[in-house]
Amino acid sequence: MASALPPEDLVVMGRVAAPYAISGWLKIQPFTEHIDSLLEYPQWHVGKNGQWRAYRLLEGKVHGQTLLVSLEGLNDRNVAEAMQGFEIAVARADFPQPDEGEYYWDQLTGLEVVNLQGESLGRVVGVLETGAQEVLKVQGELDAKPKERLIPFVAALVHTVDLASRRIVVDWGLDY
């Protein structure tokens, strides 16, 4: 069945890497922190170019750095082959609520970043995981030239994250 959710209510969490075996199973490349995180969601949306179809997860298991899954209604290898490269998304409403002061990375993408002086540093275009802490990748300008800044996402530097006003305030200079 086609998904009734608008694309902005879906979060892409993986892609179909290949068909697996002959009965319609799929090999999934997850984009999640933990390989098996996708298996926690009973309903997946599979699609390409903004066209989504909802499927119920029947069975799944970790296979190296990928997942092997069976989706309801998908029991033919030819159909599974045609889905190679499709994205796997989950409805944002199905996510657990983050704890106070925690955010999903996709919530931060697109937020404006300003310093304590109110000067715009740009917008978050991504979040990097370095092992020690997450780092905001901020794209902006300096002297009318494109400027990329990498700002550690730590309490000492990040003063406020206001999702409602789509703004992050940081202790960071324009010339850093």
Protein backbone atom coordinates (compact mmCIF):
# COMPACT_ATOMS: atom_id res chain seq x y z
CA MET A 1 0.00 0.00 0.00
CA ALA A 2 1.20 3.53 -0.72
CA SER A 3 2.29 5.57 2.27
CA ALA A 4 -0.09 8.29 3.43
CA LEU A 5 2.71 10.07 5.31
CA PRO A 6 4.30 13.13 3.72
CA PRO A 7 8.03 12.72 3.01
CA GLU A 8 9.00 15.18 5.76
CA ASP A 9 7.45 12.80 8.33
CA LEU A 10 9.77 9.99 7.20
CA VAL A 11 13.41 9.57 8.21
CA VAL A 12 15.65 7.59 5.87
CA MET A 13 17.53 5.00 7.91
CA GLY A 14 18.98 2.68 5.28
CA ARG A 15 18.86 1.42 1.73
CA VAL A 16 18.25 -1.83 -0.09
CA ALA A 17 21.71 -3.10 -1.02
CA ALA A 18 20.63 -6.26 -2.87
CA PRO A 19 18.14 -9.10 -2.97
CA TYR A 20 18.99 -12.06 -0.76
CA ALA A 21 18.24 -15.70 -1.58
CA ILE A 22 15.26 -16.63 -3.75
CA SER A 23 12.22 -15.89 -1.60
CA GLY A 24 12.16 -12.08 -1.68
CA TRP A 25 14.42 -11.33 1.26
CA LEU A 26 16.42 -8.10 1.11
CA LYS A 27 19.94 -7.18 2.18
CA ILE A 28 19.78 -3.77 3.87
CA GLN A 29 22.62 -1.31 4.45
CA PRO A 30 21.55 0.52 7.63
CA PHE A 31 22.48 4.17 8.24
CA THR A 32 21.90 3.83 11.98
CA GLU A 33 24.42 4.00 14.83
CA HIS A 34 23.69 0.38 15.79
CA ILE A 35 23.31 -2.09 12.94
CA ASP A 36 20.19 -3.72 14.40
CA SER A 37 18.31 -0.48 15.26
CA LEU A 38 16.05 -0.74 12.20
CA LEU A 39 14.76 -4.09 13.43
CA GLU A 40 13.06 -2.30 16.34
CA TYR A 41 10.51 -0.72 13.98
CA PRO A 42 7.65 -2.98 12.85
CA GLN A 43 6.64 -0.76 9.91
CA TRP A 44 9.04 0.39 7.20
CA HIS A 45 8.52 2.67 4.24
CA VAL A 46 10.43 1.62 1.13
CA GLY A 47 10.76 4.00 -1.77
CA LYS A 48 12.60 6.04 -4.30
CA ASN A 49 12.20 9.61 -5.54
CA GLY A 50 9.63 10.45 -2.87
CA GLN A 51 7.33 7.54 -3.76
CA TRP A 52 6.93 5.39 -0.65
CA ARG A 53 5.20 2.12 0.11
CA ALA A 54 4.60 0.83 3.64
CA TYR A 55 5.64 -2.71 4.57
CA ARG A 56 5.42 -4.66 7.80
CA LEU A 57 8.69 -6.23 8.93
CA LEU A 58 8.16 -9.98 9.30
CA GLU A 59 11.64 -11.13 10.18
CA GLY A 60 15.16 -9.77 10.25
CA LYS A 61 18.67 -10.51 11.44
CA VAL A 62 22.13 -8.99 11.46
CA HIS A 63 24.45 -10.31 8.76
CA GLY A 64 27.91 -8.77 9.15
CA GLN A 65 27.49 -5.02 8.60
CA THR A 66 24.08 -5.46 6.92
CA LEU A 67 20.60 -6.71 7.76
CA LEU A 68 18.71 -9.53 6.09
CA VAL A 69 14.97 -8.92 6.20
CA SER A 70 11.66 -10.32 5.07
CA LEU A 71 8.85 -7.82 4.46
CA GLU A 72 5.15 -8.70 4.30
CA GLY A 73 3.95 -9.18 0.73
CA LEU A 74 7.46 -9.39 -0.69
CA ASN A 75 8.17 -13.02 -1.55
CA ASP A 76 9.66 -12.90 -5.05
CA ARG A 77 13.35 -12.45 -5.90
CA ASN A 78 12.53 -10.49 -9.09
CA VAL A 79 10.60 -7.91 -7.10
CA ALA A 80 13.42 -7.80 -4.54
CA GLU A 81 15.94 -7.19 -7.35
CA ALA A 82 13.86 -4.28 -8.64
CA MET A 83 14.04 -2.69 -5.17
CA GLN A 84 17.85 -2.51 -5.13
CA GLY A 85 18.89 1.07 -4.31
CA PHE A 86 15.52 1.96 -2.76
CA GLU A 87 15.62 3.82 0.56
CA ILE A 88 14.28 2.51 3.85
CA ALA A 89 12.50 5.06 6.03
CA VAL A 90 10.69 5.03 9.35
CA ALA A 91 7.93 7.40 10.45
CA ARG A 92 9.30 10.08 12.78
CA ALA A 93 6.27 9.50 15.04
CA ASP A 94 7.54 5.94 15.68
CA PHE A 95 10.84 7.21 17.16
CA PRO A 96 11.22 7.14 20.93
CA GLN A 97 11.23 10.57 22.51
CA PRO A 98 14.80 11.75 23.13
CA ASP A 99 15.78 12.63 26.67
CA GLU A 100 16.13 16.26 27.75
CA GLY A 101 19.10 17.81 25.93
CA GLU A 102 19.31 14.97 23.39
CA TYR A 103 18.46 15.33 19.71
CA TYR A 104 18.20 13.21 16.64
CA TRP A 105 20.81 14.34 14.13
CA ASP A 106 18.23 15.03 11.45
CA GLN A 107 16.50 17.48 13.85
CA LEU A 108 19.67 19.60 13.87
CA THR A 109 20.18 19.65 10.10
CA GLY A 110 19.03 22.95 8.63
CA LEU A 111 19.08 24.89 11.91
CA GLU A 112 20.68 28.32 11.88
CA VAL A 113 23.77 28.63 14.07
CA VAL A 114 24.51 31.99 15.72
CA ASN A 115 27.18 32.97 18.21
CA LEU A 116 26.70 34.73 21.54
CA GLN A 117 27.02 38.10 19.77
CA GLY A 118 24.06 37.19 17.51
CA GLU A 119 26.23 36.82 14.40
CA SER A 120 25.13 34.11 11.98
CA LEU A 121 27.68 31.36 11.39
CA GLY A 122 25.52 29.52 8.87
CA ARG A 123 23.31 26.45 8.87
CA VAL A 124 23.92 22.91 10.05
CA VAL A 125 24.46 20.71 6.99
CA GLY A 126 25.42 17.58 8.88
CA VAL A 127 26.65 16.03 12.10
CA LEU A 128 29.90 14.10 12.32
CA GLU A 129 30.72 11.45 14.89
CA THR A 130 34.37 11.65 15.90
CA GLY A 131 34.44 9.15 18.74
CA ALA A 132 34.99 11.80 21.40
CA GLN A 133 31.86 13.82 20.63
CA GLU A 134 29.56 14.84 17.82
CA VAL A 135 30.59 17.79 15.66
CA LEU A 136 28.21 20.18 13.86
CA LYS A 137 29.15 20.77 10.25
CA VAL A 138 28.06 24.36 9.61
CA GLN A 139 28.02 25.97 6.17
CA GLY A 140 28.06 29.77 6.07
CA GLU A 141 30.06 32.70 4.75
CA LEU A 142 33.02 34.78 5.87
CA ASP A 143 33.91 37.93 3.93
CA ALA A 144 31.36 36.97 1.22
CA LYS A 145 33.11 33.62 0.66
CA PRO A 146 31.76 30.18 1.53
CA LYS A 147 33.02 29.01 4.90
CA GLU A 148 32.63 25.62 6.52
CA ARG A 149 32.94 25.41 10.30
CA LEU A 150 33.23 22.30 12.44
CA ILE A 151 31.83 23.05 15.89
CA PRO A 152 31.98 20.43 18.66
CA PHE A 153 28.48 19.69 19.95
CA VAL A 154 29.40 19.94 23.64
CA ALA A 155 27.78 21.80 26.53
CA ALA A 156 30.76 24.14 26.95
CA LEU A 157 30.19 25.55 23.44
CA VAL A 158 26.50 24.95 22.69
CA HIS A 159 24.39 27.25 24.86
CA THR A 160 20.92 26.58 23.47
CA VAL A 161 19.20 24.42 20.89
CA ASP A 162 15.75 25.76 20.06
CA LEU A 163 14.02 23.41 17.65
CA ALA A 164 10.88 25.57 17.55
CA SER A 165 12.76 28.66 16.33
CA ARG A 166 15.23 26.47 14.34
CA ARG A 167 18.27 28.05 15.99
CA ILE A 168 21.39 26.96 17.87
CA VAL A 169 23.39 29.48 19.94
CA VAL A 170 27.08 28.70 20.36
CA ASP A 171 30.16 30.26 21.95
CA TRP A 172 32.12 30.50 18.69
CA GLY A 173 33.76 33.41 16.92
CA LEU A 174 33.17 34.45 13.34
CA ASP A 175 36.84 34.03 12.54
CA TYR A 176 37.33 30.57 14.10
